[in-house]
Amino acid sequence: MSIVIVDSGGANLTSIKNAIEKISSQVVVSIDENIISNADYVILPGVGSANMVMQSLISNNLVSVIKSLTQPVLGICVGMQILFNSSEEQNCKCLGLINDDIKKFNLPKDKAVPHMGWNKVIFENEQLINDYYYFANSYYAPITNDTTGICEYGIEFSATVQKDNFFGC
């Protein structure tokens, strides 16, 4: 089982690689399109801004490669956000795999932004655990037809999504 973590310039590459190495010794961090295309699983990590991650993908000629993948692809944090059409953060055009836009939290004064802490996620799939998960975000994914898990922090938003072989959390 080969797993590729796309080197999109995010600060969480080592953390994700160390976690994945606990279940598979065949994990690499790469920007090589052949390695990415031939992996069994692909992870799109991201810490920072959607614009920074998209610029990294564009400069490494990976946008069309990622959009054409047929194996399971998991977007984590900003990696999930770039699955959408665009992000209000720096008005960034994203991959357009999920038909909606990432929005900035505009919440009442009693809700701090960035949203940081443990919040309950309710999943549509009864096999997944409705439990508390940690969030650290100023932007959110609206609820769409591709939403698989919902969180509430002043408003309800997508905590997890799935469109075909693309998953985000």
Protein backbone atom coordinates (compact mmCIF):
# COMPACT_ATOMS: atom_id res chain seq x y z
CA MET A 1 0.00 0.00 0.00
CA SER A 2 1.78 3.15 -1.20
CA ILE A 3 0.78 6.50 0.24
CA VAL A 4 1.98 9.82 -1.14
CA ILE A 5 1.75 13.06 0.79
CA VAL A 6 1.84 15.91 -1.73
CA ASP A 7 4.48 18.44 -0.72
CA SER A 8 2.30 21.53 -0.95
CA GLY A 9 4.52 23.62 1.30
CA GLY A 10 2.44 23.12 4.44
CA ALA A 11 3.94 22.96 7.90
CA ASN A 12 2.18 19.72 8.82
CA LEU A 13 4.06 17.39 6.42
CA THR A 14 6.24 15.77 9.07
CA SER A 15 3.36 15.27 11.50
CA ILE A 16 1.23 13.60 8.84
CA LYS A 17 4.15 11.47 7.59
CA ASN A 18 4.95 10.30 11.13
CA ALA A 19 1.31 9.38 11.76
CA ILE A 20 0.96 7.48 8.46
CA GLU A 21 4.23 5.58 9.04
CA LYS A 22 2.50 3.88 11.98
CA ILE A 23 0.25 2.03 9.49
CA SER A 24 2.43 1.85 6.37
CA SER A 25 6.15 1.87 5.67
CA GLN A 26 5.47 2.89 2.07
CA VAL A 27 4.83 6.58 2.61
CA VAL A 28 6.67 9.35 0.79
CA VAL A 29 6.41 13.11 0.52
CA SER A 30 6.66 14.14 -3.13
CA ILE A 31 5.88 16.60 -5.88
CA ASP A 32 6.72 14.09 -8.62
CA GLU A 33 3.63 13.61 -10.78
CA ASN A 34 4.51 9.98 -11.63
CA ILE A 35 4.90 9.04 -7.97
CA ILE A 36 1.63 10.82 -7.11
CA SER A 37 -0.27 9.30 -10.04
CA ASN A 38 0.88 5.76 -9.21
CA ALA A 39 0.25 5.86 -5.46
CA ASP A 40 -2.53 3.79 -3.93
CA TYR A 41 -3.56 6.75 -1.75
CA VAL A 42 -2.82 10.48 -1.93
CA ILE A 43 -2.94 13.03 0.88
CA LEU A 44 -3.23 16.78 0.30
CA PRO A 45 -2.10 18.42 3.53
CA GLY A 46 -2.03 22.10 4.22
CA VAL A 47 -1.33 24.61 6.92
CA GLY A 48 -1.42 28.26 6.04
CA SER A 49 -3.48 29.70 3.23
CA ALA A 50 -5.33 28.16 0.30
CA ASN A 51 -3.51 30.63 -1.94
CA MET A 52 -0.09 29.39 -0.74
CA VAL A 53 -1.03 25.74 -1.33
CA MET A 54 -2.56 26.46 -4.76
CA GLN A 55 0.52 28.46 -5.81
CA SER A 56 2.68 25.49 -4.82
CA LEU A 57 0.51 23.11 -6.86
CA ILE A 58 0.52 25.47 -9.84
CA SER A 59 4.29 26.05 -9.76
CA ASN A 60 4.86 22.28 -9.61
CA ASN A 61 2.39 21.59 -12.46
CA LEU A 62 0.24 19.40 -10.21
CA VAL A 63 -3.26 20.90 -10.61
CA SER A 64 -4.30 18.74 -13.58
CA VAL A 65 -2.53 15.71 -12.08
CA ILE A 66 -4.50 15.96 -8.84
CA LYS A 67 -7.80 16.63 -10.61
CA SER A 68 -7.29 13.50 -12.75
CA LEU A 69 -6.56 11.12 -9.86
CA THR A 70 -8.88 8.12 -9.51
CA GLN A 71 -7.44 6.63 -6.32
CA PRO A 72 -8.63 7.88 -2.89
CA VAL A 73 -7.41 11.42 -2.16
CA LEU A 74 -7.68 12.93 1.32
CA GLY A 75 -7.50 16.69 1.80
CA ILE A 76 -6.66 17.73 5.36
CA CYS A 77 -7.28 21.28 6.66
CA VAL A 78 -6.34 23.63 3.79
CA GLY A 79 -6.04 20.46 1.70
CA MET A 80 -9.81 20.10 2.11
CA GLN A 81 -10.45 23.77 1.35
CA ILE A 82 -8.67 23.59 -2.00
CA LEU A 83 -11.08 20.87 -3.15
CA PHE A 84 -13.70 23.65 -3.47
CA ASN A 85 -14.11 26.21 -6.29
CA SER A 86 -12.48 29.08 -4.44
CA SER A 87 -11.64 30.56 -1.06
CA GLU A 88 -12.50 34.02 0.25
CA GLU A 89 -9.00 33.99 1.74
CA GLN A 90 -7.12 36.18 -0.75
CA ASN A 91 -9.89 35.45 -3.31
CA CYS A 92 -8.06 32.29 -4.32
CA LYS A 93 -9.21 30.05 -7.17
CA CYS A 94 -9.00 26.41 -6.04
CA LEU A 95 -9.34 22.97 -7.68
CA GLY A 96 -13.11 23.17 -8.31
CA LEU A 97 -13.82 19.55 -7.43
CA ILE A 98 -16.60 20.50 -4.99
CA ASN A 99 -19.05 23.09 -6.27
CA ASP A 100 -19.06 25.75 -3.57
CA ASP A 101 -16.73 28.32 -2.07
CA ILE A 102 -14.80 28.49 1.21
CA LYS A 103 -16.03 31.41 3.32
CA LYS A 104 -14.59 33.48 6.17
CA PHE A 105 -16.31 33.09 9.53
CA ASN A 106 -18.46 36.15 10.23
CA LEU A 107 -19.72 35.34 13.72
CA PRO A 108 -21.25 37.10 16.71
CA LYS A 109 -18.78 38.65 19.16
CA ASP A 110 -19.17 35.74 21.61
CA LYS A 111 -17.57 33.39 19.03
CA ALA A 112 -13.85 33.92 18.60
CA VAL A 113 -12.20 33.71 15.19
CA PRO A 114 -10.12 31.76 14.51
CA HIS A 115 -12.34 28.93 15.64
CA MET A 116 -10.05 26.87 17.87
CA GLY A 117 -10.97 23.95 20.05
CA TRP A 118 -12.91 20.73 20.33
CA ASN A 119 -16.32 20.62 18.66
CA LYS A 120 -18.71 17.78 18.03
CA VAL A 121 -19.04 16.47 14.47
CA ILE A 122 -22.19 14.65 13.41
CA PHE A 123 -21.66 12.23 10.52
CA GLU A 124 -24.27 11.03 8.04
CA ASN A 125 -22.55 7.62 7.90
CA GLU A 126 -23.52 5.72 11.03
CA GLN A 127 -20.23 3.78 10.92
CA LEU A 128 -18.28 6.94 11.74
CA ILE A 129 -18.06 8.16 15.31
CA ASN A 130 -20.08 11.24 16.26
CA ASP A 131 -17.50 12.69 18.60
CA TYR A 132 -15.39 15.75 19.36
CA TYR A 133 -12.65 16.78 16.93
CA TYR A 134 -10.15 19.62 17.08
CA PHE A 135 -10.51 22.68 14.85
CA ALA A 136 -8.22 25.64 14.18
CA ASN A 137 -9.69 27.68 11.33
CA SER A 138 -10.84 31.15 10.29
CA TYR A 139 -12.54 29.87 7.12
CA TYR A 140 -15.21 27.22 6.69
CA ALA A 141 -16.76 24.99 4.05
CA PRO A 142 -20.52 25.53 3.61
CA ILE A 143 -22.85 22.57 3.75
CA THR A 144 -23.22 21.09 0.26
CA ASN A 145 -24.54 17.90 -1.32
CA ASP A 146 -21.02 16.54 -0.74
CA THR A 147 -21.08 17.12 3.05
CA THR A 148 -20.60 13.96 5.10
CA GLY A 149 -20.02 15.48 8.55
CA ILE A 150 -21.40 18.66 10.11
CA CYS A 151 -20.01 20.84 12.89
CA GLU A 152 -21.65 23.85 14.52
CA TYR A 153 -19.72 26.93 15.65
CA GLY A 154 -22.10 29.86 15.44
CA ILE A 155 -23.28 28.36 12.14
CA GLU A 156 -23.36 24.83 10.78
CA PHE A 157 -20.58 23.99 8.31
CA SER A 158 -18.98 21.00 6.59
CA ALA A 159 -16.44 19.29 8.82
CA THR A 160 -16.01 16.48 6.27
CA VAL A 161 -16.85 16.14 2.58
CA GLN A 162 -16.70 13.49 -0.12
CA LYS A 163 -17.06 13.80 -3.86
CA ASP A 164 -16.27 10.62 -5.77
CA ASN A 165 -12.73 9.59 -4.72
CA PHE A 166 -11.96 12.95 -3.06
CA PHE A 167 -12.40 13.21 0.70
CA GLY A 168 -11.82 16.20 2.95
CA CYS A 169 -11.65 16.79 6.68
